[in-house]
Amino acid sequence: MRDNLHDAGRRWAAATAVLASAFVLGGPLGAATLRITSPAAGAVVPSGRTLVAEVEASGGAFRAVQLAGSATGNGIYTLFAPPYRFAIPIPPDADSRTYFLEAVGTTVAGEAVQSDEIKIAIERPDPPVRIKSEASAVGFHYVGDQRNLSVTGTYADGSKVTLSYSSLTSYRSDNLSVATVDSMGLVIATGPGSARITIRNAGKSVVVPVEVANGEPLGRAEH
């Protein structure tokens, strides 16, 4: 789960490479550029609304400009003439986490052009009525074992949203000598014993007990 976002990024990078090669009619990249001017990098966009993304094209005339990335649901939006202003509906049950956008285009001269990638956060605008961890408790067999916590929020309209990687979700361990937890919910066993991981989001919280046994890692040779 921890690598889902990075995996999606790698898949999109491969997809844009194919897309760019399909556009190229010949010749090296020129002075034409694409730049995403809105939203700003790092912006927080509410789910359940329409994300308006604007791309600035300069240095040449473009046959088409496309916008894609995880923020578009890995779909591709295409415009054939300026202004390059894309309207992207964001579902109300979209995972609250970091997403990215990237523009790709081809000029009338056949040059493939790619913008810098920007990252934005999509967050549910209303607070959850409750949050829940997929794991009600976590048991580790040995020190060094690890596990990602998956967190879901339930909202007043009955919808459920994954909050594991939300910027509003925090994780805290009450016993670092037994278990640590990072900002993405990765729990690592650091020593035998008991600990409690408290997860919070928008005023709601849930506690996940952790037990670490004094065992040997799987595959470790016995002496």
N, C-alpha and C. Protein backbone atom coordinates (compact mmCIF):
# COMPACT_ATOMS: atom_id res chain seq x y z
N MET A 1 0.82 -1.20 0.00
CA MET A 1 0.00 0.00 0.00
C MET A 1 0.86 1.26 0.00
N ARG A 2 1.95 1.23 0.77
CA ARG A 2 2.81 2.40 0.89
C ARG A 2 3.32 2.85 -0.47
N ASP A 3 3.54 1.92 -1.39
CA ASP A 3 4.14 2.26 -2.68
C ASP A 3 3.11 2.49 -3.77
N ASN A 4 1.80 2.51 -3.43
CA ASN A 4 0.79 2.65 -4.47
C ASN A 4 0.98 3.93 -5.26
N LEU A 5 1.21 5.05 -4.54
CA LEU A 5 1.36 6.32 -5.22
C LEU A 5 2.58 6.33 -6.11
N HIS A 6 3.70 5.76 -5.61
CA HIS A 6 4.92 5.73 -6.42
C HIS A 6 4.74 4.82 -7.63
N ASP A 7 4.04 3.71 -7.45
CA ASP A 7 3.78 2.81 -8.57
C ASP A 7 2.93 3.49 -9.62
N ALA A 8 1.93 4.25 -9.18
CA ALA A 8 1.09 4.98 -10.13
C ALA A 8 1.92 5.99 -10.89
N GLY A 9 2.87 6.63 -10.18
CA GLY A 9 3.74 7.60 -10.85
C GLY A 9 4.61 6.95 -11.90
N ARG A 10 5.13 5.78 -11.59
CA ARG A 10 5.97 5.09 -12.58
C ARG A 10 5.15 4.65 -13.78
N ARG A 11 3.91 4.21 -13.52
CA ARG A 11 3.05 3.81 -14.63
C ARG A 11 2.74 4.99 -15.52
N TRP A 12 2.48 6.14 -14.89
CA TRP A 12 2.17 7.33 -15.71
C TRP A 12 3.40 7.81 -16.47
N ALA A 13 4.59 7.73 -15.86
CA ALA A 13 5.81 8.13 -16.56
C ALA A 13 6.00 7.27 -17.81
N ALA A 14 5.75 5.97 -17.68
CA ALA A 14 5.87 5.09 -18.84
C ALA A 14 4.82 5.44 -19.89
N ALA A 15 3.61 5.75 -19.41
CA ALA A 15 2.52 6.07 -20.34
C ALA A 15 2.81 7.36 -21.10
N THR A 16 3.37 8.37 -20.40
CA THR A 16 3.66 9.62 -21.08
C THR A 16 4.79 9.45 -22.09
N ALA A 17 5.73 8.56 -21.80
CA ALA A 17 6.80 8.31 -22.76
C ALA A 17 6.23 7.73 -24.05
N VAL A 18 5.28 6.81 -23.90
CA VAL A 18 4.63 6.24 -25.08
C VAL A 18 3.83 7.29 -25.81
N LEU A 19 3.10 8.13 -25.02
CA LEU A 19 2.28 9.17 -25.61
C LEU A 19 3.14 10.16 -26.39
N ALA A 20 4.26 10.57 -25.77
CA ALA A 20 5.13 11.53 -26.44
C ALA A 20 5.70 10.96 -27.73
N SER A 21 6.10 9.69 -27.70
CA SER A 21 6.67 9.08 -28.90
C SER A 21 5.63 8.96 -30.00
N ALA A 22 4.37 8.80 -29.60
CA ALA A 22 3.31 8.71 -30.60
C ALA A 22 3.08 10.05 -31.28
N PHE A 23 3.37 11.17 -30.54
CA PHE A 23 3.16 12.49 -31.09
C PHE A 23 4.29 12.94 -32.03
N VAL A 24 5.50 12.48 -31.75
CA VAL A 24 6.65 13.01 -32.45
C VAL A 24 6.63 12.63 -33.93
N LEU A 25 6.77 13.63 -34.78
CA LEU A 25 6.84 13.38 -36.21
C LEU A 25 8.26 13.50 -36.72
N GLY A 26 9.15 13.89 -35.85
CA GLY A 26 10.55 14.00 -36.25
C GLY A 26 11.17 15.25 -35.66
N GLY A 27 12.49 15.19 -35.43
CA GLY A 27 13.20 16.35 -34.93
C GLY A 27 13.32 16.36 -33.43
N PRO A 28 14.33 17.04 -32.88
CA PRO A 28 14.56 17.11 -31.45
C PRO A 28 13.59 18.09 -30.79
N LEU A 29 13.55 18.05 -29.44
CA LEU A 29 12.73 18.99 -28.71
C LEU A 29 13.23 20.40 -28.95
N GLY A 30 12.28 21.35 -29.13
CA GLY A 30 12.66 22.74 -29.40
C GLY A 30 12.43 23.62 -28.20
N ALA A 31 12.14 24.93 -28.47
CA ALA A 31 11.99 25.90 -27.41
C ALA A 31 10.56 25.97 -26.89
N ALA A 32 9.64 25.25 -27.49
CA ALA A 32 8.26 25.27 -27.02
C ALA A 32 8.19 24.67 -25.61
N THR A 33 7.34 25.27 -24.77
CA THR A 33 7.21 24.80 -23.39
C THR A 33 5.76 24.71 -22.97
N LEU A 34 5.52 23.87 -22.00
CA LEU A 34 4.22 23.78 -21.34
C LEU A 34 4.44 23.94 -19.85
N ARG A 35 3.51 24.67 -19.22
CA ARG A 35 3.62 24.88 -17.77
C ARG A 35 2.23 24.90 -17.16
N ILE A 36 2.04 24.11 -16.13
CA ILE A 36 0.76 24.13 -15.43
C ILE A 36 0.76 25.33 -14.49
N THR A 37 -0.13 26.29 -14.75
CA THR A 37 -0.17 27.52 -13.96
C THR A 37 -1.21 27.47 -12.85
N SER A 38 -2.17 26.59 -12.99
CA SER A 38 -3.20 26.43 -11.96
C SER A 38 -3.72 24.99 -12.01
N PRO A 39 -3.86 24.34 -10.87
CA PRO A 39 -3.59 24.83 -9.51
C PRO A 39 -2.10 24.95 -9.24
N ALA A 40 -1.77 25.69 -8.20
CA ALA A 40 -0.36 25.81 -7.81
C ALA A 40 0.12 24.52 -7.20
N ALA A 41 1.40 24.25 -7.36
CA ALA A 41 1.98 23.07 -6.72
C ALA A 41 1.75 23.13 -5.22
N GLY A 42 1.30 22.03 -4.65
CA GLY A 42 1.04 21.97 -3.22
C GLY A 42 -0.35 22.42 -2.83
N ALA A 43 -1.17 22.83 -3.79
CA ALA A 43 -2.52 23.28 -3.47
C ALA A 43 -3.36 22.15 -2.90
N VAL A 44 -4.32 22.50 -2.06
CA VAL A 44 -5.27 21.53 -1.52
C VAL A 44 -6.59 21.72 -2.26
N VAL A 45 -7.04 20.66 -2.91
CA VAL A 45 -8.24 20.70 -3.74
C VAL A 45 -9.33 19.87 -3.06
N PRO A 46 -10.53 20.42 -2.86
CA PRO A 46 -11.60 19.65 -2.22
C PRO A 46 -12.13 18.56 -3.14
N SER A 47 -12.34 17.38 -2.59
CA SER A 47 -13.00 16.34 -3.37
C SER A 47 -14.48 16.67 -3.50
N GLY A 48 -15.14 16.04 -4.49
CA GLY A 48 -16.55 16.31 -4.73
C GLY A 48 -16.79 17.56 -5.53
N ARG A 49 -15.74 18.18 -6.01
CA ARG A 49 -15.87 19.41 -6.81
C ARG A 49 -15.08 19.25 -8.11
N THR A 50 -15.10 20.30 -8.91
CA THR A 50 -14.40 20.26 -10.19
C THR A 50 -13.05 20.95 -10.06
N LEU A 51 -12.01 20.24 -10.40
CA LEU A 51 -10.67 20.81 -10.42
C LEU A 51 -10.46 21.48 -11.77
N VAL A 52 -10.17 22.76 -11.76
CA VAL A 52 -9.88 23.50 -12.98
C VAL A 52 -8.37 23.65 -13.09
N ALA A 53 -7.81 23.07 -14.13
CA ALA A 53 -6.37 23.11 -14.36
C ALA A 53 -6.08 23.91 -15.63
N GLU A 54 -5.14 24.82 -15.55
CA GLU A 54 -4.77 25.66 -16.68
C GLU A 54 -3.31 25.41 -17.07
N VAL A 55 -3.10 25.28 -18.36
CA VAL A 55 -1.75 25.01 -18.88
C VAL A 55 -1.35 26.17 -19.80
N GLU A 56 -0.18 26.72 -19.57
CA GLU A 56 0.36 27.78 -20.41
C GLU A 56 1.28 27.17 -21.45
N ALA A 57 1.01 27.46 -22.72
CA ALA A 57 1.85 26.98 -23.83
C ALA A 57 2.57 28.17 -24.44
N SER A 58 3.87 28.04 -24.60
CA SER A 58 4.65 29.14 -25.16
C SER A 58 5.74 28.61 -26.07
N GLY A 59 6.28 29.48 -26.90
CA GLY A 59 7.40 29.12 -27.75
C GLY A 59 7.03 28.40 -29.03
N GLY A 60 5.74 28.28 -29.32
CA GLY A 60 5.32 27.61 -30.54
C GLY A 60 3.84 27.30 -30.52
N ALA A 61 3.28 27.01 -31.70
CA ALA A 61 1.88 26.63 -31.80
C ALA A 61 1.74 25.13 -31.57
N PHE A 62 0.70 24.74 -30.87
CA PHE A 62 0.50 23.34 -30.52
C PHE A 62 -0.69 22.75 -31.27
N ARG A 63 -0.51 21.51 -31.72
CA ARG A 63 -1.62 20.77 -32.31
C ARG A 63 -2.59 20.29 -31.24
N ALA A 64 -2.05 19.89 -30.11
CA ALA A 64 -2.87 19.39 -29.01
C ALA A 64 -2.07 19.47 -27.73
N VAL A 65 -2.79 19.66 -26.64
CA VAL A 65 -2.21 19.62 -25.30
C VAL A 65 -3.06 18.67 -24.48
N GLN A 66 -2.41 17.80 -23.77
CA GLN A 66 -3.11 16.82 -22.95
C GLN A 66 -2.69 16.94 -21.50
N LEU A 67 -3.64 16.68 -20.62
CA LEU A 67 -3.40 16.71 -19.19
C LEU A 67 -3.75 15.35 -18.62
N ALA A 68 -2.88 14.83 -17.78
CA ALA A 68 -3.12 13.52 -17.18
C ALA A 68 -2.37 13.41 -15.88
N GLY A 69 -2.49 12.26 -15.26
CA GLY A 69 -1.84 12.02 -13.98
C GLY A 69 -2.81 11.38 -13.02
N SER A 70 -2.35 11.12 -11.81
CA SER A 70 -3.22 10.45 -10.84
C SER A 70 -4.41 11.32 -10.45
N ALA A 71 -4.27 12.66 -10.55
CA ALA A 71 -5.38 13.55 -10.20
C ALA A 71 -6.52 13.48 -11.21
N THR A 72 -6.25 12.95 -12.38
CA THR A 72 -7.31 12.80 -13.39
C THR A 72 -7.87 11.38 -13.39
N GLY A 73 -7.54 10.61 -12.36
CA GLY A 73 -7.96 9.21 -12.35
C GLY A 73 -7.21 8.40 -13.37
N ASN A 74 -6.00 8.89 -13.75
CA ASN A 74 -5.16 8.29 -14.78
C ASN A 74 -5.83 8.31 -16.15
N GLY A 75 -6.85 9.17 -16.29
CA GLY A 75 -7.43 9.42 -17.61
C GLY A 75 -6.65 10.54 -18.31
N ILE A 76 -6.94 10.78 -19.58
CA ILE A 76 -6.24 11.80 -20.35
C ILE A 76 -7.26 12.78 -20.91
N TYR A 77 -7.05 14.06 -20.64
CA TYR A 77 -7.90 15.13 -21.14
C TYR A 77 -7.15 15.84 -22.26
N THR A 78 -7.84 16.12 -23.37
CA THR A 78 -7.19 16.69 -24.56
C THR A 78 -7.90 17.95 -25.02
N LEU A 79 -7.12 18.99 -25.33
CA LEU A 79 -7.64 20.20 -25.96
C LEU A 79 -6.80 20.48 -27.20
N PHE A 80 -7.46 20.96 -28.25
CA PHE A 80 -6.78 21.17 -29.54
C PHE A 80 -6.52 22.63 -29.84
N ALA A 81 -6.93 23.52 -28.97
CA ALA A 81 -6.70 24.95 -29.17
C ALA A 81 -6.72 25.64 -27.82
N PRO A 82 -5.98 26.75 -27.70
CA PRO A 82 -6.02 27.50 -26.45
C PRO A 82 -7.36 28.21 -26.30
N PRO A 83 -7.74 28.61 -25.08
CA PRO A 83 -6.97 28.42 -23.84
C PRO A 83 -7.03 26.97 -23.37
N TYR A 84 -5.92 26.51 -22.84
CA TYR A 84 -5.83 25.12 -22.36
C TYR A 84 -6.30 25.10 -20.90
N ARG A 85 -7.60 25.01 -20.77
CA ARG A 85 -8.24 25.07 -19.45
C ARG A 85 -9.08 23.81 -19.29
N PHE A 86 -8.65 22.95 -18.38
CA PHE A 86 -9.25 21.63 -18.23
C PHE A 86 -10.14 21.59 -16.99
N ALA A 87 -11.31 20.99 -17.12
CA ALA A 87 -12.21 20.81 -15.99
C ALA A 87 -12.26 19.33 -15.65
N ILE A 88 -11.80 18.99 -14.45
CA ILE A 88 -11.66 17.59 -14.04
C ILE A 88 -12.55 17.35 -12.82
N PRO A 89 -13.59 16.55 -12.95
CA PRO A 89 -14.44 16.26 -11.78
C PRO A 89 -13.71 15.35 -10.79
N ILE A 90 -13.73 15.74 -9.54
CA ILE A 90 -13.11 14.94 -8.48
C ILE A 90 -14.23 14.26 -7.69
N PRO A 91 -14.31 12.94 -7.70
CA PRO A 91 -15.38 12.24 -6.98
C PRO A 91 -15.33 12.54 -5.48
N PRO A 92 -16.49 12.59 -4.83
CA PRO A 92 -16.50 12.86 -3.38
C PRO A 92 -15.83 11.77 -2.56
N ASP A 93 -15.74 10.55 -3.13
CA ASP A 93 -15.10 9.45 -2.41
C ASP A 93 -13.67 9.22 -2.85
N ALA A 94 -13.06 10.21 -3.52
CA ALA A 94 -11.65 10.09 -3.89
C ALA A 94 -10.79 9.97 -2.65
N ASP A 95 -9.77 9.12 -2.70
CA ASP A 95 -8.85 8.99 -1.56
C ASP A 95 -8.27 10.36 -1.21
N SER A 96 -8.21 10.66 0.06
CA SER A 96 -7.57 11.90 0.51
C SER A 96 -6.07 11.64 0.60
N ARG A 97 -5.31 12.25 -0.31
CA ARG A 97 -3.86 12.02 -0.35
C ARG A 97 -3.23 12.95 -1.38
N THR A 98 -1.96 12.75 -1.66
CA THR A 98 -1.24 13.53 -2.67
C THR A 98 -1.44 12.93 -4.05
N TYR A 99 -1.67 13.80 -5.02
CA TYR A 99 -1.83 13.40 -6.42
C TYR A 99 -0.88 14.24 -7.28
N PHE A 100 -0.74 13.87 -8.56
CA PHE A 100 0.10 14.68 -9.44
C PHE A 100 -0.59 14.93 -10.77
N LEU A 101 -0.15 15.99 -11.43
CA LEU A 101 -0.63 16.38 -12.75
C LEU A 101 0.57 16.65 -13.65
N GLU A 102 0.39 16.36 -14.94
CA GLU A 102 1.44 16.63 -15.91
C GLU A 102 0.79 16.90 -17.25
N ALA A 103 1.36 17.84 -18.01
CA ALA A 103 0.86 18.17 -19.35
C ALA A 103 1.83 17.67 -20.40
N VAL A 104 1.28 17.15 -21.49
CA VAL A 104 2.08 16.68 -22.63
C VAL A 104 1.42 17.22 -23.89
N GLY A 105 2.24 17.67 -24.83
CA GLY A 105 1.68 18.19 -26.07
C GLY A 105 2.59 17.96 -27.26
N THR A 106 2.07 18.29 -28.44
CA THR A 106 2.87 18.23 -29.66
C THR A 106 2.65 19.52 -30.42
N THR A 107 3.74 20.10 -30.92
CA THR A 107 3.65 21.34 -31.67
C THR A 107 3.33 21.04 -33.13
N VAL A 108 3.00 22.09 -33.86
CA VAL A 108 2.72 21.91 -35.30
C VAL A 108 3.98 21.47 -36.04
N ALA A 109 5.13 21.71 -35.43
CA ALA A 109 6.39 21.27 -36.03
C ALA A 109 6.72 19.82 -35.68
N GLY A 110 5.85 19.19 -34.90
CA GLY A 110 6.07 17.79 -34.56
C GLY A 110 6.93 17.56 -33.35
N GLU A 111 7.15 18.58 -32.53
CA GLU A 111 7.96 18.43 -31.34
C GLU A 111 7.09 17.96 -30.17
N ALA A 112 7.57 16.98 -29.44
CA ALA A 112 6.90 16.53 -28.23
C ALA A 112 7.38 17.38 -27.06
N VAL A 113 6.45 17.88 -26.27
CA VAL A 113 6.76 18.77 -25.16
C VAL A 113 6.07 18.24 -23.90
N GLN A 114 6.79 18.30 -22.82
CA GLN A 114 6.26 17.78 -21.55
C GLN A 114 6.50 18.81 -20.45
N SER A 115 5.49 19.07 -19.64
CA SER A 115 5.63 20.02 -18.54
C SER A 115 6.30 19.37 -17.35
N ASP A 116 6.72 20.20 -16.40
CA ASP A 116 7.13 19.67 -15.11
C ASP A 116 5.90 19.11 -14.40
N GLU A 117 6.09 18.08 -13.63
CA GLU A 117 5.02 17.50 -12.84
C GLU A 117 4.76 18.37 -11.62
N ILE A 118 3.48 18.53 -11.27
CA ILE A 118 3.15 19.21 -10.02
C ILE A 118 2.38 18.24 -9.13
N LYS A 119 2.54 18.41 -7.82
CA LYS A 119 1.80 17.60 -6.86
C LYS A 119 0.79 18.47 -6.13
N ILE A 120 -0.40 17.93 -5.94
CA ILE A 120 -1.44 18.61 -5.19
C ILE A 120 -2.02 17.63 -4.17
N ALA A 121 -2.75 18.15 -3.22
CA ALA A 121 -3.45 17.29 -2.26
C ALA A 121 -4.94 17.39 -2.52
N ILE A 122 -5.60 16.25 -2.56
CA ILE A 122 -7.05 16.21 -2.63
C ILE A 122 -7.55 15.75 -1.27
N GLU A 123 -8.39 16.57 -0.66
CA GLU A 123 -8.87 16.28 0.69
C GLU A 123 -10.39 16.45 0.74
N ARG A 124 -11.05 15.58 1.45
CA ARG A 124 -12.47 15.72 1.69
C ARG A 124 -12.69 17.01 2.51
N PRO A 125 -13.60 17.92 2.06
CA PRO A 125 -13.73 19.21 2.75
C PRO A 125 -14.46 19.13 4.09
N ASP A 126 -15.36 18.15 4.27
CA ASP A 126 -16.09 18.02 5.52
C ASP A 126 -15.42 16.97 6.41
N PRO A 127 -15.53 17.10 7.73
CA PRO A 127 -14.88 16.14 8.62
C PRO A 127 -15.63 14.81 8.65
N PRO A 128 -14.92 13.72 8.89
CA PRO A 128 -15.60 12.42 9.02
C PRO A 128 -16.40 12.37 10.32
N VAL A 129 -17.45 11.55 10.31
CA VAL A 129 -18.20 11.34 11.55
C VAL A 129 -17.50 10.28 12.40
N ARG A 130 -16.71 9.45 11.76
CA ARG A 130 -15.87 8.49 12.49
C ARG A 130 -14.77 7.99 11.55
N ILE A 131 -13.70 7.50 12.16
CA ILE A 131 -12.63 6.88 11.37
C ILE A 131 -12.40 5.47 11.91
N LYS A 132 -11.89 4.62 11.03
CA LYS A 132 -11.69 3.22 11.40
C LYS A 132 -10.40 2.71 10.79
N SER A 133 -9.67 1.94 11.56
CA SER A 133 -8.49 1.25 11.05
C SER A 133 -8.90 -0.12 10.55
N GLU A 134 -8.36 -0.50 9.38
CA GLU A 134 -8.64 -1.83 8.85
C GLU A 134 -8.22 -2.91 9.84
N ALA A 135 -7.13 -2.66 10.55
CA ALA A 135 -6.64 -3.61 11.57
C ALA A 135 -7.09 -3.11 12.93
N SER A 136 -7.86 -3.91 13.65
CA SER A 136 -8.28 -3.53 14.99
C SER A 136 -7.14 -3.70 15.99
N ALA A 137 -6.17 -4.54 15.63
CA ALA A 137 -4.96 -4.75 16.44
C ALA A 137 -3.88 -5.30 15.51
N VAL A 138 -2.64 -5.09 15.90
CA VAL A 138 -1.51 -5.56 15.09
C VAL A 138 -0.59 -6.40 15.96
N GLY A 139 -0.25 -7.59 15.49
CA GLY A 139 0.69 -8.45 16.19
C GLY A 139 1.92 -8.70 15.33
N PHE A 140 3.10 -8.47 15.89
CA PHE A 140 4.35 -8.71 15.21
C PHE A 140 5.04 -9.91 15.85
N HIS A 141 5.64 -10.76 15.01
CA HIS A 141 6.32 -11.95 15.52
C HIS A 141 7.77 -11.69 15.91
N TYR A 142 8.33 -10.58 15.40
CA TYR A 142 9.75 -10.31 15.67
C TYR A 142 10.03 -8.83 15.49
N VAL A 143 11.10 -8.38 16.12
CA VAL A 143 11.57 -7.01 15.99
C VAL A 143 12.04 -6.77 14.56
N GLY A 144 11.65 -5.65 14.01
CA GLY A 144 11.98 -5.33 12.63
C GLY A 144 10.84 -5.58 11.67
N ASP A 145 9.83 -6.34 12.11
CA ASP A 145 8.65 -6.57 11.28
C ASP A 145 7.92 -5.24 11.10
N GLN A 146 7.16 -5.11 10.04
CA GLN A 146 6.47 -3.85 9.78
C GLN A 146 5.15 -4.07 9.06
N ARG A 147 4.30 -3.07 9.17
CA ARG A 147 2.99 -3.15 8.53
C ARG A 147 2.43 -1.74 8.34
N ASN A 148 1.73 -1.53 7.21
CA ASN A 148 1.05 -0.27 6.97
C ASN A 148 -0.37 -0.32 7.54
N LEU A 149 -0.77 0.73 8.20
CA LEU A 149 -2.14 0.84 8.68
C LEU A 149 -3.01 1.48 7.60
N SER A 150 -4.19 0.93 7.40
CA SER A 150 -5.14 1.46 6.44
C SER A 150 -6.29 2.09 7.20
N VAL A 151 -6.59 3.36 6.88
CA VAL A 151 -7.58 4.13 7.63
C VAL A 151 -8.69 4.59 6.70
N THR A 152 -9.93 4.41 7.14
CA THR A 152 -11.09 4.82 6.36
C THR A 152 -11.95 5.77 7.19
N GLY A 153 -12.45 6.82 6.54
CA GLY A 153 -13.36 7.74 7.20
C GLY A 153 -14.77 7.55 6.67
N THR A 154 -15.74 7.60 7.55
CA THR A 154 -17.14 7.57 7.16
C THR A 154 -17.72 8.96 7.35
N TYR A 155 -18.48 9.44 6.35
CA TYR A 155 -18.96 10.81 6.35
C TYR A 155 -20.47 10.88 6.52
N ALA A 156 -20.97 12.09 6.76
CA ALA A 156 -22.38 12.28 7.07
C ALA A 156 -23.30 11.80 5.95
N ASP A 157 -22.81 11.83 4.72
CA ASP A 157 -23.62 11.37 3.59
C ASP A 157 -23.55 9.86 3.39
N GLY A 158 -22.83 9.17 4.28
CA GLY A 158 -22.71 7.72 4.19
C GLY A 158 -21.53 7.23 3.38
N SER A 159 -20.82 8.13 2.70
CA SER A 159 -19.69 7.72 1.86
C SER A 159 -18.49 7.38 2.73
N LYS A 160 -17.62 6.55 2.18
CA LYS A 160 -16.39 6.15 2.86
C LYS A 160 -15.20 6.58 2.01
N VAL A 161 -14.20 7.12 2.66
CA VAL A 161 -13.03 7.66 1.97
C VAL A 161 -11.77 7.12 2.65
N THR A 162 -10.81 6.68 1.85
CA THR A 162 -9.53 6.24 2.39
C THR A 162 -8.72 7.45 2.85
N LEU A 163 -8.30 7.41 4.11
CA LEU A 163 -7.59 8.54 4.71
C LEU A 163 -6.16 8.19 5.13
N SER A 164 -5.69 7.01 4.72
CA SER A 164 -4.38 6.54 5.18
C SER A 164 -3.26 7.54 4.92
N TYR A 165 -3.29 8.20 3.74
CA TYR A 165 -2.22 9.10 3.35
C TYR A 165 -2.67 10.55 3.33
N SER A 166 -3.80 10.84 3.97
CA SER A 166 -4.28 12.21 4.04
C SER A 166 -3.31 13.08 4.82
N SER A 167 -3.17 14.34 4.39
CA SER A 167 -2.31 15.27 5.13
C SER A 167 -2.93 15.62 6.48
N LEU A 168 -4.21 15.31 6.67
CA LEU A 168 -4.90 15.59 7.93
C LEU A 168 -4.83 14.41 8.90
N THR A 169 -4.31 13.28 8.43
CA THR A 169 -4.21 12.10 9.28
C THR A 169 -2.86 12.07 9.99
N SER A 170 -2.90 11.86 11.29
CA SER A 170 -1.66 11.76 12.07
C SER A 170 -1.62 10.42 12.80
N TYR A 171 -0.41 9.94 13.02
CA TYR A 171 -0.19 8.67 13.71
C TYR A 171 0.79 8.90 14.86
N ARG A 172 0.51 8.28 16.02
CA ARG A 172 1.42 8.44 17.15
C ARG A 172 1.48 7.14 17.95
N SER A 173 2.69 6.74 18.28
CA SER A 173 2.91 5.57 19.13
C SER A 173 3.18 6.04 20.56
N ASP A 174 2.58 5.34 21.54
CA ASP A 174 2.82 5.72 22.93
C ASP A 174 4.01 4.98 23.54
N ASN A 175 4.65 4.12 22.75
CA ASN A 175 5.80 3.37 23.27
C ASN A 175 6.78 3.10 22.12
N LEU A 176 7.69 4.04 21.91
CA LEU A 176 8.61 3.93 20.78
C LEU A 176 9.60 2.79 20.94
N SER A 177 9.78 2.30 22.15
CA SER A 177 10.69 1.18 22.35
C SER A 177 10.07 -0.14 21.88
N VAL A 178 8.76 -0.12 21.61
CA VAL A 178 8.05 -1.30 21.10
C VAL A 178 7.68 -1.14 19.64
N ALA A 179 7.17 0.05 19.28
CA ALA A 179 6.75 0.27 17.89
C ALA A 179 6.83 1.74 17.53
N THR A 180 7.34 2.03 16.35
CA THR A 180 7.32 3.39 15.81
C THR A 180 6.31 3.43 14.67
N VAL A 181 5.87 4.62 14.34
CA VAL A 181 4.95 4.79 13.22
C VAL A 181 5.28 6.11 12.54
N ASP A 182 5.32 6.12 11.21
CA ASP A 182 5.65 7.35 10.50
C ASP A 182 4.38 8.06 10.04
N SER A 183 4.56 9.17 9.33
CA SER A 183 3.42 10.00 8.92
C SER A 183 2.55 9.34 7.87
N MET A 184 3.00 8.24 7.29
CA MET A 184 2.22 7.52 6.29
C MET A 184 1.59 6.26 6.87
N GLY A 185 1.72 6.06 8.18
CA GLY A 185 1.08 4.92 8.83
C GLY A 185 1.88 3.64 8.80
N LEU A 186 3.18 3.72 8.52
CA LEU A 186 4.02 2.53 8.52
C LEU A 186 4.48 2.25 9.95
N VAL A 187 4.05 1.11 10.50
CA VAL A 187 4.40 0.71 11.85
C VAL A 187 5.57 -0.27 11.79
N ILE A 188 6.61 -0.03 12.59
CA ILE A 188 7.77 -0.91 12.65
C ILE A 188 7.98 -1.36 14.09
N ALA A 189 8.10 -2.67 14.26
CA ALA A 189 8.35 -3.23 15.59
C ALA A 189 9.79 -2.96 15.99
N THR A 190 9.98 -2.34 17.17
CA THR A 190 11.32 -1.99 17.61
C THR A 190 11.77 -2.78 18.84
N GLY A 191 10.83 -3.46 19.50
CA GLY A 191 11.20 -4.25 20.66
C GLY A 191 10.01 -5.00 21.22
N PRO A 192 10.25 -6.07 21.96
CA PRO A 192 9.15 -6.86 22.51
C PRO A 192 8.30 -6.02 23.48
N GLY A 193 7.00 -6.30 23.48
CA GLY A 193 6.12 -5.61 24.41
C GLY A 193 4.85 -5.13 23.76
N SER A 194 4.21 -4.15 24.41
CA SER A 194 2.93 -3.63 23.96
C SER A 194 3.02 -2.14 23.70
N ALA A 195 2.26 -1.68 22.73
CA ALA A 195 2.18 -0.26 22.42
C ALA A 195 0.78 0.04 21.89
N ARG A 196 0.47 1.32 21.80
CA ARG A 196 -0.81 1.75 21.24
C ARG A 196 -0.53 2.81 20.20
N ILE A 197 -1.09 2.63 19.00
CA ILE A 197 -0.98 3.62 17.93
C ILE A 197 -2.29 4.40 17.89
N THR A 198 -2.21 5.72 18.08
CA THR A 198 -3.38 6.57 18.00
C THR A 198 -3.41 7.26 16.64
N ILE A 199 -4.52 7.10 15.94
CA ILE A 199 -4.70 7.71 14.61
C ILE A 199 -5.74 8.81 14.74
N ARG A 200 -5.44 9.99 14.22
CA ARG A 200 -6.37 11.12 14.30
C ARG A 200 -6.60 11.73 12.93
N ASN A 201 -7.82 12.22 12.73
CA ASN A 201 -8.14 12.98 11.52
C ASN A 201 -9.35 13.86 11.84
N ALA A 202 -9.15 15.17 11.70
CA ALA A 202 -10.23 16.16 11.86
C ALA A 202 -11.03 15.95 13.13
N GLY A 203 -10.34 15.74 14.23
CA GLY A 203 -11.00 15.63 15.52
C GLY A 203 -11.47 14.24 15.89
N LYS A 204 -11.41 13.30 14.96
CA LYS A 204 -11.79 11.91 15.26
C LYS A 204 -10.53 11.09 15.47
N SER A 205 -10.67 10.03 16.27
CA SER A 205 -9.49 9.20 16.54
C SER A 205 -9.87 7.74 16.71
N VAL A 206 -8.87 6.89 16.53
CA VAL A 206 -9.02 5.46 16.76
C VAL A 206 -7.68 4.95 17.28
N VAL A 207 -7.73 3.96 18.17
CA VAL A 207 -6.51 3.41 18.76
C VAL A 207 -6.32 1.97 18.29
N VAL A 208 -5.11 1.65 17.87
CA VAL A 208 -4.77 0.30 17.42
C VAL A 208 -3.72 -0.28 18.37
N PRO A 209 -4.06 -1.30 19.16
CA PRO A 209 -3.06 -1.93 20.02
C PRO A 209 -2.03 -2.71 19.18
N VAL A 210 -0.80 -2.70 19.67
CA VAL A 210 0.30 -3.40 18.98
C VAL A 210 0.99 -4.31 20.00
N GLU A 211 1.23 -5.55 19.59
CA GLU A 211 1.99 -6.49 20.40
C GLU A 211 3.17 -7.00 19.59
N VAL A 212 4.35 -6.99 20.19
CA VAL A 212 5.56 -7.47 19.52
C VAL A 212 6.13 -8.63 20.32
N ALA A 213 6.22 -9.79 19.67
CA ALA A 213 6.79 -10.96 20.33
C ALA A 213 8.31 -10.92 20.24
N ASN A 214 8.94 -11.70 21.07
CA ASN A 214 10.40 -11.76 21.08
C ASN A 214 10.85 -12.93 20.22
N GLY A 215 10.49 -12.89 18.93
CA GLY A 215 10.81 -13.99 18.03
C GLY A 215 11.92 -13.64 17.07
N GLU A 216 12.24 -14.58 16.20
CA GLU A 216 13.27 -14.40 15.19
C GLU A 216 12.62 -14.10 13.85
N PRO A 217 13.20 -13.19 13.05
CA PRO A 217 12.68 -12.94 11.71
C PRO A 217 12.60 -14.22 10.90
N LEU A 218 11.58 -14.31 10.07
CA LEU A 218 11.44 -15.48 9.20
C LEU A 218 12.66 -15.60 8.29
N GLY A 219 13.19 -16.78 8.18
CA GLY A 219 14.34 -17.00 7.30
C GLY A 219 15.68 -16.80 7.98
N ARG A 220 15.66 -16.29 9.24
CA ARG A 220 16.94 -16.09 9.94
C ARG A 220 17.45 -17.48 10.40
N ALA A 221 18.70 -17.71 10.17
CA ALA A 221 19.28 -19.00 10.57
C ALA A 221 19.35 -19.09 12.08
N GLU A 222 18.99 -20.26 12.59
CA GLU A 222 19.07 -20.49 14.02
C GLU A 222 20.47 -20.96 14.38
N HIS A 223 20.93 -20.54 15.55
CA HIS A 223 22.28 -20.90 16.00
C HIS A 223 22.20 -21.75 17.24
